[in-house]
Amino acid sequence: MARERPANDGGGGSDLGPLPAGHHGLSREQVEESQRERLLAAVANVVAERGYRAATITQIVKAASVSSRVFYENFESKEEAFLASFEAVLEHFEDLVGEAIASETEWQRQVVAAICAGIRFFESEPELAKAFLVEPAAATPAIATRFREAVLKWVPFLEQGRKKRADGAALPDSTEDSVLGGLVFLTSRSILAGAPPRTVLHDFIDFALSPYLGAGEAARLASEAEENFP
């Protein structure tokens, strides 16, 4: 089965239309998969436009061009549909970042590559960025918890930077949590302000690397990445 990845049309809503009537040549399984993927895309579009709390199942099924019956055949609630869409986007995002990291051997270069990959993704998918970075905090406890779990998954990756500290001094246990929280805040603020994520690229890299490499080296790598960012 193809990955369930919500699509974005680059505009204000989904360009998905209903499947053609009659003999479209699709099996029942293909139709059901298409309907589910359309619902996942619609969740992202509607939540990005209206916010999680204001989004309704009626709006979602209309955007997906499916019936309410189809929605409830796939999901028990709006929350479940949002979490399914979130997981699909998260899988794709982690694939992109993983590929970027794999191209580098030094930890600090891997951090830069990961941040650049994330920035490119958020710029290419602004609705997904708003739906799944900004909205979870104000959605439901289950959604907020899942979002935090996804963020904290990157703690071990950042912890590798502790070995890079020249003075050998220990960092507070909360360092990685604080760094990741700061990155999420910077991203969310730029999205809400309508600013291209690349405008915070330098700040991202500087903020992420400073605790481990020191202000000077972190700023140097941030400036280098900013100059080379496509």
Protein backbone atom coordinates (compact mmCIF):
# COMPACT_ATOMS: atom_id res chain seq x y z
CA MET A 1 0.00 0.00 0.00
CA ALA A 2 1.24 3.44 -0.82
CA ARG A 3 2.30 5.70 2.04
CA GLU A 4 -0.60 7.73 3.41
CA ARG A 5 0.77 11.19 2.78
CA PRO A 6 -1.56 14.17 2.69
CA ALA A 7 -1.15 16.22 -0.44
CA ASN A 8 -0.94 19.98 -0.68
CA ASP A 9 -1.92 22.02 -3.69
CA GLY A 10 0.05 25.09 -2.68
CA GLY A 11 -3.17 27.11 -2.41
CA GLY A 12 -5.83 27.47 0.21
CA GLY A 13 -7.49 24.09 -0.10
CA SER A 14 -7.53 20.67 -1.64
CA ASP A 15 -7.82 20.18 -5.37
CA LEU A 16 -9.00 16.61 -4.90
CA GLY A 17 -12.16 15.73 -6.75
CA PRO A 18 -14.36 12.64 -6.48
CA LEU A 19 -13.46 9.44 -8.24
CA PRO A 20 -15.06 9.17 -11.68
CA ALA A 21 -18.46 7.52 -11.65
CA GLY A 22 -19.10 4.23 -13.32
CA HIS A 23 -16.39 1.88 -14.52
CA HIS A 24 -13.21 3.58 -13.34
CA GLY A 25 -11.24 0.33 -13.39
CA LEU A 26 -10.26 0.48 -9.72
CA SER A 27 -10.63 -2.40 -7.33
CA ARG A 28 -12.55 -1.99 -4.08
CA GLU A 29 -9.25 -1.91 -2.21
CA GLN A 30 -7.91 0.84 -4.47
CA VAL A 31 -11.08 2.90 -4.02
CA GLU A 32 -10.91 2.53 -0.23
CA GLU A 33 -7.24 3.46 -0.18
CA SER A 34 -7.91 6.51 -2.35
CA GLN A 35 -10.75 7.60 -0.08
CA ARG A 36 -8.59 7.26 3.03
CA GLU A 37 -5.74 9.22 1.49
CA ARG A 38 -8.18 11.92 0.42
CA LEU A 39 -9.45 12.16 3.97
CA LEU A 40 -5.91 12.47 5.32
CA ALA A 41 -5.20 15.27 2.87
CA ALA A 42 -8.48 16.99 3.73
CA VAL A 43 -7.71 16.90 7.46
CA ALA A 44 -4.47 18.78 6.85
CA ASN A 45 -6.09 21.34 4.55
CA VAL A 46 -9.11 22.05 6.74
CA VAL A 47 -7.13 22.23 9.99
CA ALA A 48 -4.56 24.53 8.38
CA GLU A 49 -7.34 26.84 7.17
CA ARG A 50 -9.66 26.83 10.18
CA GLY A 51 -7.65 25.49 13.11
CA TYR A 52 -8.17 22.13 14.80
CA ARG A 53 -10.96 23.17 17.15
CA ALA A 54 -12.99 24.95 14.48
CA ALA A 55 -12.54 22.20 11.87
CA THR A 56 -15.53 19.89 11.54
CA ILE A 57 -16.01 16.43 10.11
CA THR A 58 -18.56 17.90 7.70
CA GLN A 59 -15.90 20.26 6.32
CA ILE A 60 -13.36 17.44 6.11
CA VAL A 61 -15.59 15.06 4.14
CA LYS A 62 -16.62 17.88 1.82
CA ALA A 63 -12.96 18.72 1.13
CA ALA A 64 -12.24 15.03 0.54
CA SER A 65 -15.29 14.58 -1.71
CA VAL A 66 -16.44 11.56 0.26
CA SER A 67 -19.46 10.84 2.44
CA SER A 68 -19.67 10.94 6.22
CA ARG A 69 -20.19 7.18 6.09
CA VAL A 70 -16.77 6.79 4.46
CA PHE A 71 -15.22 8.97 7.16
CA TYR A 72 -16.60 6.80 9.94
CA GLU A 73 -15.55 3.65 8.14
CA ASN A 74 -11.98 4.93 8.49
CA PHE A 75 -11.97 6.92 11.73
CA GLU A 76 -13.99 7.06 14.91
CA SER A 77 -13.44 10.78 15.46
CA LYS A 78 -11.81 13.97 14.22
CA GLU A 79 -9.00 13.38 16.71
CA GLU A 80 -8.27 9.93 15.31
CA ALA A 81 -8.28 11.29 11.75
CA PHE A 82 -5.90 14.09 12.72
CA LEU A 83 -3.51 11.66 14.42
CA ALA A 84 -3.52 9.40 11.37
CA SER A 85 -2.74 12.34 9.11
CA PHE A 86 -0.05 13.51 11.54
CA GLU A 87 1.62 10.08 11.49
CA ALA A 88 1.66 10.02 7.69
CA VAL A 89 3.28 13.46 7.49
CA LEU A 90 5.70 12.61 10.30
CA GLU A 91 6.86 9.47 8.49
CA HIS A 92 7.57 11.45 5.33
CA PHE A 93 9.33 14.21 7.28
CA GLU A 94 11.54 11.72 9.11
CA ASP A 95 12.44 10.04 5.82
CA LEU A 96 13.55 13.37 4.35
CA VAL A 97 15.61 14.29 7.42
CA GLY A 98 17.09 10.80 7.63
CA GLU A 99 18.26 11.00 4.03
CA ALA A 100 19.82 14.41 4.68
CA ILE A 101 21.67 13.18 7.77
CA ALA A 102 22.97 10.11 5.97
CA SER A 103 24.87 12.32 3.53
CA GLU A 104 27.07 13.77 6.32
CA THR A 105 29.60 12.14 8.63
CA GLU A 106 30.24 14.84 11.25
CA TRP A 107 27.56 15.35 13.89
CA GLN A 108 27.45 19.14 13.53
CA ARG A 109 27.07 18.80 9.76
CA GLN A 110 24.28 16.31 10.31
CA VAL A 111 22.45 18.83 12.50
CA VAL A 112 22.81 21.48 9.79
CA ALA A 113 21.60 19.03 7.13
CA ALA A 114 18.61 18.01 9.25
CA ILE A 115 17.56 21.62 9.85
CA CYS A 116 17.96 22.52 6.18
CA ALA A 117 15.86 19.52 5.15
CA GLY A 118 13.17 20.53 7.62
CA ILE A 119 13.15 24.11 6.38
CA ARG A 120 12.81 22.97 2.75
CA PHE A 121 9.92 20.70 3.68
CA PHE A 122 8.05 23.40 5.61
CA GLU A 123 8.53 25.88 2.77
CA SER A 124 7.20 23.42 0.20
CA GLU A 125 4.26 22.34 2.40
CA PRO A 126 3.07 25.46 4.30
CA GLU A 127 -0.35 24.02 5.11
CA LEU A 128 1.17 20.87 6.58
CA ALA A 129 3.55 23.00 8.60
CA LYS A 130 0.67 25.02 10.08
CA ALA A 131 -1.57 22.01 10.68
CA PHE A 132 1.02 19.81 12.35
CA LEU A 133 3.43 22.26 14.01
CA VAL A 134 1.15 25.03 15.22
CA GLU A 135 -2.16 23.29 15.92
CA PRO A 136 -1.22 20.30 18.13
CA ALA A 137 -0.56 22.41 21.23
CA ALA A 138 -4.12 23.74 21.23
CA ALA A 139 -5.85 20.59 19.97
CA THR A 140 -6.43 17.76 22.47
CA PRO A 141 -4.27 16.23 25.22
CA ALA A 142 -3.72 13.09 23.15
CA ILE A 143 -2.58 15.11 20.13
CA ALA A 144 -0.35 17.36 22.22
CA THR A 145 1.23 14.30 23.86
CA ARG A 146 1.87 12.58 20.53
CA PHE A 147 3.43 15.76 19.16
CA ARG A 148 5.75 16.04 22.14
CA GLU A 149 6.76 12.39 21.76
CA ALA A 150 7.64 13.02 18.12
CA VAL A 151 9.78 16.02 19.08
CA LEU A 152 11.58 14.28 21.94
CA LYS A 153 12.50 11.40 19.66
CA TRP A 154 15.39 13.64 18.51
CA VAL A 155 16.90 13.96 22.01
CA PRO A 156 19.45 11.10 21.53
CA PHE A 157 20.59 12.65 18.25
CA LEU A 158 21.30 15.99 19.92
CA GLU A 159 22.93 14.34 22.92
CA GLN A 160 25.79 13.27 20.66
CA GLY A 161 26.85 16.91 20.65
CA ARG A 162 27.82 16.72 24.32
CA LYS A 163 31.03 15.02 23.23
CA LYS A 164 31.90 18.11 21.16
CA ARG A 165 32.19 20.50 24.10
CA ALA A 166 35.77 21.75 24.22
CA ASP A 167 35.76 22.50 27.94
CA GLY A 168 34.33 19.14 28.88
CA ALA A 169 31.80 20.78 31.21
CA ALA A 170 28.54 18.96 31.66
CA LEU A 171 25.36 20.43 30.27
CA PRO A 172 22.08 20.44 32.22
CA ASP A 173 19.94 17.37 31.67
CA SER A 174 17.22 19.57 30.18
CA THR A 175 19.45 20.97 27.40
CA GLU A 176 18.12 18.85 24.55
CA ASP A 177 14.52 19.34 25.62
CA SER A 178 15.08 23.10 25.70
CA VAL A 179 16.79 23.15 22.31
CA LEU A 180 14.02 21.16 20.64
CA GLY A 181 11.33 23.26 22.30
CA GLY A 182 13.06 26.41 21.10
CA LEU A 183 13.22 25.12 17.53
CA VAL A 184 9.52 24.31 17.55
CA PHE A 185 8.76 27.77 18.94
CA LEU A 186 10.87 29.52 16.29
CA THR A 187 9.19 27.54 13.52
CA SER A 188 5.69 28.14 14.83
CA ARG A 189 6.33 31.86 15.25
CA SER A 190 7.57 32.22 11.68
CA ILE A 191 4.58 30.28 10.34
CA LEU A 192 2.08 32.40 12.27
CA ALA A 193 3.85 35.56 11.12
CA GLY A 194 3.64 34.40 7.51
CA ALA A 195 7.42 34.55 7.15
CA PRO A 196 9.25 32.01 4.99
CA PRO A 197 10.88 29.42 7.28
CA ARG A 198 14.24 30.12 5.63
CA THR A 199 14.28 33.50 7.38
CA VAL A 200 14.99 31.69 10.64
CA LEU A 201 17.52 29.22 9.20
CA HIS A 202 20.50 31.04 10.71
CA ASP A 203 18.77 31.33 14.09
CA PHE A 204 17.83 27.63 14.00
CA ILE A 205 21.35 26.40 13.43
CA ASP A 206 22.93 28.89 15.80
CA PHE A 207 20.46 28.02 18.55
CA ALA A 208 20.80 24.25 18.06
CA LEU A 209 24.60 24.13 17.99
CA SER A 210 25.65 26.85 20.46
CA PRO A 211 25.31 24.71 23.60
CA TYR A 212 27.66 22.13 22.15
CA LEU A 213 30.10 24.01 19.91
CA GLY A 214 30.09 27.47 21.45
CA ALA A 215 28.67 30.67 20.02
CA GLY A 216 31.46 31.36 17.55
CA GLU A 217 31.53 28.00 15.75
CA ALA A 218 27.75 27.73 15.79
CA ALA A 219 27.42 31.16 14.18
CA ARG A 220 30.03 30.25 11.55
CA LEU A 221 28.19 27.08 10.54
CA ALA A 222 24.89 28.95 10.53
CA SER A 223 26.24 31.64 8.20
CA GLU A 224 27.76 29.01 5.93
CA ALA A 225 24.48 27.12 5.69
CA GLU A 226 22.54 30.32 5.05
CA GLU A 227 24.85 31.26 2.17
CA ASN A 228 24.55 27.82 0.56
CA PHE A 229 20.84 27.29 1.12
CA PRO A 230 19.07 26.94 -2.26
